């Protein structure tokens, strides 16, 4: 008999970004995938913010 678990991932602000029901043991793989997606999104946001900061720093001089 397979056991099921519930996986809830939160982003840095505490908002739910993913909820999934999975087989016990499979949750770890789903968690890693969710964390990889979140890391990619945050990394992209950081890159955009760095570019915007550089742009506005040049504009203010």
PDB file of N, CA and C in Angstrom:
ATOM      1  N   UNK A   1       0.844  -1.179   0.000  1.00  0.00           N
ATOM      2  CA  UNK A   1       0.000   0.000   0.000  1.00  0.00           C
ATOM      3  C   UNK A   1       0.893   1.248   0.000  1.00  0.00           C
ATOM      4  N   UNK A   2       0.709   2.085  -0.989  1.00  0.00           N
ATOM      5  CA  UNK A   2       1.513   3.300  -1.111  1.00  0.00           C
ATOM      6  C   UNK A   2       0.936   4.387  -0.217  1.00  0.00           C
ATOM      7  N   UNK A   3       1.809   5.075   0.458  1.00  0.00           N
ATOM      8  CA  UNK A   3       1.389   6.198   1.290  1.00  0.00           C
ATOM      9  C   UNK A   3       1.531   7.469   0.480  1.00  0.00           C
ATOM     10  N   UNK A   4       0.621   8.386   0.699  1.00  0.00           N
ATOM     11  CA  UNK A   4       0.687   9.662   0.007  1.00  0.00           C
ATOM     12  C   UNK A   4       0.997  10.766   1.002  1.00  0.00           C
ATOM     13  N   UNK A   5       1.653  11.777   0.516  1.00  0.00           N
ATOM     14  CA  UNK A   5       1.959  12.934   1.333  1.00  0.00           C
ATOM     15  C   UNK A   5       1.614  14.200   0.583  1.00  0.00           C
ATOM     16  N   UNK A   6       1.588  15.298   1.272  1.00  0.00           N
ATOM     17  CA  UNK A   6       1.306  16.582   0.644  1.00  0.00           C
ATOM     18  C   UNK A   6       2.543  17.448   0.747  1.00  0.00           C
ATOM     19  N   UNK A   7       2.949  18.010  -0.368  1.00  0.00           N
ATOM     20  CA  UNK A   7       4.121  18.866  -0.437  1.00  0.00           C
ATOM     21  C   UNK A   7       3.662  20.296  -0.693  1.00  0.00           C
ATOM     22  N   UNK A   8       4.073  21.207   0.154  1.00  0.00           N
ATOM     23  CA  UNK A   8       3.737  22.618  -0.010  1.00  0.00           C
ATOM     24  C   UNK A   8       5.048  23.390  -0.030  1.00  0.00           C
ATOM     25  N   UNK A   9       5.291  24.124  -1.108  1.00  0.00           N
ATOM     26  CA  UNK A   9       6.493  24.948  -1.213  1.00  0.00           C
ATOM     27  C   UNK A   9       6.100  26.408  -1.059  1.00  0.00           C
ATOM     28  N   UNK A  10       6.874  27.127  -0.283  1.00  0.00           N
ATOM     29  CA  UNK A  10       6.637  28.551  -0.069  1.00  0.00           C
ATOM     30  C   UNK A  10       7.782  29.346  -0.680  1.00  0.00           C
ATOM     31  N   UNK A  11       7.471  30.522  -1.209  1.00  0.00           N
ATOM     32  CA  UNK A  11       8.551  31.377  -1.693  1.00  0.00           C
ATOM     33  C   UNK A  11       9.104  32.188  -0.537  1.00  0.00           C
ATOM     34  N   UNK A  12      10.050  33.060  -0.798  1.00  0.00           N
ATOM     35  CA  UNK A  12      10.706  33.805   0.276  1.00  0.00           C
ATOM     36  C   UNK A  12       9.757  34.729   1.031  1.00  0.00           C
ATOM     37  N   UNK A  13       8.676  35.141   0.389  1.00  0.00           N
ATOM     38  CA  UNK A  13       7.707  36.010   1.053  1.00  0.00           C
ATOM     39  C   UNK A  13       6.712  35.205   1.882  1.00  0.00           C
ATOM     40  N   UNK A  14       6.770  33.878   1.811  1.00  0.00           N
ATOM     41  CA  UNK A  14       5.864  33.034   2.570  1.00  0.00           C
ATOM     42  C   UNK A  14       4.606  32.644   1.816  1.00  0.00           C
ATOM     43  N   UNK A  15       4.487  33.058   0.555  1.00  0.00           N
ATOM     44  CA  UNK A  15       3.321  32.703  -0.243  1.00  0.00           C
ATOM     45  C   UNK A  15       3.499  31.300  -0.824  1.00  0.00           C
ATOM     46  N   UNK A  16       2.407  30.588  -0.930  1.00  0.00           N
ATOM     47  CA  UNK A  16       2.448  29.234  -1.486  1.00  0.00           C
ATOM     48  C   UNK A  16       2.723  29.328  -2.979  1.00  0.00           C
ATOM     49  N   UNK A  17       3.774  28.650  -3.443  1.00  0.00           N
ATOM     50  CA  UNK A  17       4.080  28.666  -4.875  1.00  0.00           C
ATOM     51  C   UNK A  17       3.845  27.299  -5.514  1.00  0.00           C
ATOM     52  N   UNK A  18       3.673  26.248  -4.713  1.00  0.00           N
ATOM     53  CA  UNK A  18       3.393  24.931  -5.281  1.00  0.00           C
ATOM     54  C   UNK A  18       2.803  24.034  -4.209  1.00  0.00           C
ATOM     55  N   UNK A  19       1.740  23.339  -4.564  1.00  0.00           N
ATOM     56  CA  UNK A  19       1.142  22.331  -3.690  1.00  0.00           C
ATOM     57  C   UNK A  19       0.987  21.074  -4.523  1.00  0.00           C
ATOM     58  N   UNK A  20       1.426  19.954  -4.000  1.00  0.00           N
ATOM     59  CA  UNK A  20       1.338  18.702  -4.749  1.00  0.00           C
ATOM     60  C   UNK A  20       1.093  17.555  -3.793  1.00  0.00           C
ATOM     61  N   UNK A  21       0.369  16.543  -4.280  1.00  0.00           N
ATOM     62  CA  UNK A  21       0.215  15.301  -3.551  1.00  0.00           C
ATOM     63  C   UNK A  21       1.129  14.301  -4.229  1.00  0.00           C
ATOM     64  N   UNK A  22       1.933  13.606  -3.461  1.00  0.00           N
ATOM     65  CA  UNK A  22       2.897  12.697  -4.058  1.00  0.00           C
ATOM     66  C   UNK A  22       3.063  11.464  -3.192  1.00  0.00           C
ATOM     67  N   UNK A  23       3.670  10.459  -3.766  1.00  0.00           N
ATOM     68  CA  UNK A  23       3.984   9.256  -3.029  1.00  0.00           C
ATOM     69  C   UNK A  23       5.127   9.569  -2.070  1.00  0.00           C
ATOM     70  N   UNK A  24       5.064   9.013  -0.875  1.00  0.00           N
ATOM     71  CA  UNK A  24       6.149   9.216   0.082  1.00  0.00           C
ATOM     72  C   UNK A  24       7.436   8.698  -0.557  1.00  0.00           C
ATOM     73  N   UNK A  25       8.470   9.476  -0.507  1.00  0.00           N
ATOM     74  CA  UNK A  25       9.737   9.150  -1.170  1.00  0.00           C
ATOM     75  C   UNK A  25       9.877   9.945  -2.460  1.00  0.00           C
ATOM     76  N   UNK A  26       8.783  10.200  -3.138  1.00  0.00           N
ATOM     77  CA  UNK A  26       8.812  11.001  -4.358  1.00  0.00           C
ATOM     78  C   UNK A  26       8.765  12.484  -4.063  1.00  0.00           C
ATOM     79  N   UNK A  27       8.376  12.827  -2.847  1.00  0.00           N
ATOM     80  CA  UNK A  27       8.267  14.241  -2.472  1.00  0.00           C
ATOM     81  C   UNK A  27       9.628  14.937  -2.509  1.00  0.00           C
ATOM     82  N   UNK A  28      10.672  14.233  -2.155  1.00  0.00           N
ATOM     83  CA  UNK A  28      12.006  14.846  -2.151  1.00  0.00           C
ATOM     84  C   UNK A  28      12.395  15.292  -3.552  1.00  0.00           C
ATOM     85  N   UNK A  29      12.118  14.457  -4.550  1.00  0.00           N
ATOM     86  CA  UNK A  29      12.442  14.819  -5.935  1.00  0.00           C
ATOM     87  C   UNK A  29      11.599  16.010  -6.384  1.00  0.00           C
ATOM     88  N   UNK A  30      10.318  16.014  -6.016  1.00  0.00           N
ATOM     89  CA  UNK A  30       9.463  17.140  -6.386  1.00  0.00           C
ATOM     90  C   UNK A  30       9.927  18.409  -5.687  1.00  0.00           C
ATOM     91  N   UNK A  31      10.356  18.279  -4.448  1.00  0.00           N
ATOM     92  CA  UNK A  31      10.842  19.433  -3.716  1.00  0.00           C
ATOM     93  C   UNK A  31      12.085  20.020  -4.379  1.00  0.00           C
ATOM     94  N   UNK A  32      13.005  19.155  -4.790  1.00  0.00           N
ATOM     95  CA  UNK A  32      14.217  19.630  -5.472  1.00  0.00           C
ATOM     96  C   UNK A  32      13.859  20.361  -6.756  1.00  0.00           C
ATOM     97  N   UNK A  33      12.928  19.798  -7.539  1.00  0.00           N
ATOM     98  CA  UNK A  33      12.538  20.442  -8.792  1.00  0.00           C
ATOM     99  C   UNK A  33      11.892  21.803  -8.527  1.00  0.00           C
ATOM    100  N   UNK A  34      11.047  21.870  -7.523  1.00  0.00           N
ATOM    101  CA  UNK A  34      10.422  23.143  -7.174  1.00  0.00           C
ATOM    102  C   UNK A  34      11.450  24.166  -6.727  1.00  0.00           C
ATOM    103  N   UNK A  35      12.420  23.719  -5.948  1.00  0.00           N
ATOM    104  CA  UNK A  35      13.476  24.628  -5.494  1.00  0.00           C
ATOM    105  C   UNK A  35      14.344  25.099  -6.648  1.00  0.00           C
ATOM    106  N   UNK A  36      14.597  24.219  -7.608  1.00  0.00           N
ATOM    107  CA  UNK A  36      15.378  24.619  -8.786  1.00  0.00           C
ATOM    108  C   UNK A  36      14.636  25.682  -9.586  1.00  0.00           C
ATOM    109  N   UNK A  37      13.313  25.512  -9.749  1.00  0.00           N
ATOM    110  CA  UNK A  37      12.521  26.511 -10.482  1.00  0.00           C
ATOM    111  C   UNK A  37      12.533  27.844  -9.735  1.00  0.00           C
ATOM    112  N   UNK A  38      12.363  27.793  -8.424  1.00  0.00           N
ATOM    113  CA  UNK A  38      12.358  29.017  -7.625  1.00  0.00           C
ATOM    114  C   UNK A  38      13.718  29.710  -7.685  1.00  0.00           C
ATOM    115  N   UNK A  39      14.798  28.950  -7.619  1.00  0.00           N
ATOM    116  CA  UNK A  39      16.141  29.522  -7.709  1.00  0.00           C
ATOM    117  C   UNK A  39      16.353  30.195  -9.059  1.00  0.00           C
ATOM    118  N   UNK A  40      15.903  29.550 -10.135  1.00  0.00           N
ATOM    119  CA  UNK A  40      16.052  30.140 -11.470  1.00  0.00           C
ATOM    120  C   UNK A  40      15.279  31.453 -11.568  1.00  0.00           C
ATOM    121  N   UNK A  41      14.080  31.484 -11.004  1.00  0.00           N
ATOM    122  CA  UNK A  41      13.266  32.698 -11.051  1.00  0.00           C
ATOM    123  C   UNK A  41      13.920  33.828 -10.251  1.00  0.00           C
ATOM    124  N   UNK A  42      14.396  33.515  -9.067  1.00  0.00           N
ATOM    125  CA  UNK A  42      15.014  34.541  -8.217  1.00  0.00           C
ATOM    126  C   UNK A  42      16.329  35.029  -8.831  1.00  0.00           C
ATOM    127  N   UNK A  43      17.080  34.125  -9.430  1.00  0.00           N
ATOM    128  CA  UNK A  43      18.327  34.515 -10.089  1.00  0.00           C
ATOM    129  C   UNK A  43      18.047  35.466 -11.244  1.00  0.00           C
ATOM    130  N   UNK A  44      17.000  35.180 -12.020  1.00  0.00           N
ATOM    131  CA  UNK A  44      16.629  36.058 -13.133  1.00  0.00           C
ATOM    132  C   UNK A  44      16.193  37.427 -12.609  1.00  0.00           C
ATOM    133  N   UNK A  45      15.411  37.439 -11.532  1.00  0.00           N
ATOM    134  CA  UNK A  45      15.001  38.714 -10.933  1.00  0.00           C
ATOM    135  C   UNK A  45      16.207  39.519 -10.481  1.00  0.00           C
ATOM    136  N   UNK A  46      17.181  38.861  -9.856  1.00  0.00           N
ATOM    137  CA  UNK A  46      18.381  39.551  -9.373  1.00  0.00           C
ATOM    138  C   UNK A  46      19.144  40.164 -10.543  1.00  0.00           C
ATOM    139  N   UNK A  47      19.268  39.426 -11.639  1.00  0.00           N
ATOM    140  CA  UNK A  47      19.984  39.925 -12.814  1.00  0.00           C
ATOM    141  C   UNK A  47      19.286  41.162 -13.383  1.00  0.00           C
ATOM    142  N   UNK A  48      17.978  41.113 -13.461  1.00  0.00           N
ATOM    143  CA  UNK A  48      17.216  42.256 -13.975  1.00  0.00           C
ATOM    144  C   UNK A  48      17.395  43.462 -13.060  1.00  0.00           C
ATOM    145  N   UNK A  49      17.339  43.244 -11.758  1.00  0.00           N
ATOM    146  CA  UNK A  49      17.506  44.354 -10.815  1.00  0.00           C
ATOM    147  C   UNK A  49      18.902  44.957 -10.876  1.00  0.00           C
ATOM    148  N   UNK A  50      19.915  44.114 -11.064  1.00  0.00           N
ATOM    149  CA  UNK A  50      21.290  44.635 -11.188  1.00  0.00           C
ATOM    150  C   UNK A  50      21.410  45.519 -12.425  1.00  0.00           C
ATOM    151  N   UNK A  51      20.822  45.086 -13.541  1.00  0.00           N
ATOM    152  CA  UNK A  51      20.872  45.874 -14.776  1.00  0.00           C
ATOM    153  C   UNK A  51      20.110  47.188 -14.613  1.00  0.00           C
ATOM    154  N   UNK A  52      18.954  47.132 -13.960  1.00  0.00           N
ATOM    155  CA  UNK A  52      18.164  48.345 -13.746  1.00  0.00           C
ATOM    156  C   UNK A  52      18.906  49.326 -12.840  1.00  0.00           C
ATOM    157  N   UNK A  53      19.553  48.804 -11.814  1.00  0.00           N
ATOM    158  CA  UNK A  53      20.319  49.658 -10.907  1.00  0.00           C
ATOM    159  C   UNK A  53      21.451  50.346 -11.659  1.00  0.00           C
ATOM    160  N   UNK A  54      22.163  49.612 -12.483  1.00  0.00           N
ATOM    161  CA  UNK A  54      23.254  50.204 -13.266  1.00  0.00           C
ATOM    162  C   UNK A  54      22.727  51.258 -14.227  1.00  0.00           C
ATOM    163  N   UNK A  55      21.607  50.993 -14.860  1.00  0.00           N
ATOM    164  CA  UNK A  55      21.008  51.930 -15.801  1.00  0.00           C
ATOM    165  C   UNK A  55      20.643  53.242 -15.109  1.00  0.00           C
ATOM    166  N   UNK A  56      19.928  53.140 -13.986  1.00  0.00           N
ATOM    167  CA  UNK A  56      19.498  54.343 -13.298  1.00  0.00           C
ATOM    168  C   UNK A  56      20.655  55.080 -12.634  1.00  0.00           C
ATOM    169  N   UNK A  57      21.711  54.375 -12.277  1.00  0.00           N
ATOM    170  CA  UNK A  57      22.898  55.029 -11.722  1.00  0.00           C
ATOM    171  C   UNK A  57      23.563  55.889 -12.796  1.00  0.00           C
ATOM    172  N   UNK A  58      23.615  55.367 -14.018  1.00  0.00           N
ATOM    173  CA  UNK A  58      24.189  56.143 -15.130  1.00  0.00           C
ATOM    174  C   UNK A  58      23.308  57.356 -15.454  1.00  0.00           C
ATOM    175  N   UNK A  59      21.987  57.177 -15.424  1.00  0.00           N
ATOM    176  CA  UNK A  59      21.063  58.248 -15.738  1.00  0.00           C
ATOM    177  C   UNK A  59      21.125  59.397 -14.742  1.00  0.00           C
ATOM    178  N   UNK A  60      21.424  59.092 -13.489  1.00  0.00           N
ATOM    179  CA  UNK A  60      21.412  60.134 -12.466  1.00  0.00           C
ATOM    180  C   UNK A  60      22.694  60.969 -12.459  1.00  0.00           C
ATOM    181  N   UNK A  61      23.697  60.552 -13.193  1.00  0.00           N
ATOM    182  CA  UNK A  61      24.967  61.315 -13.196  1.00  0.00           C
ATOM    183  C   UNK A  61      24.961  62.411 -14.224  1.00  0.00           C
TER     184      UNK A  61
END
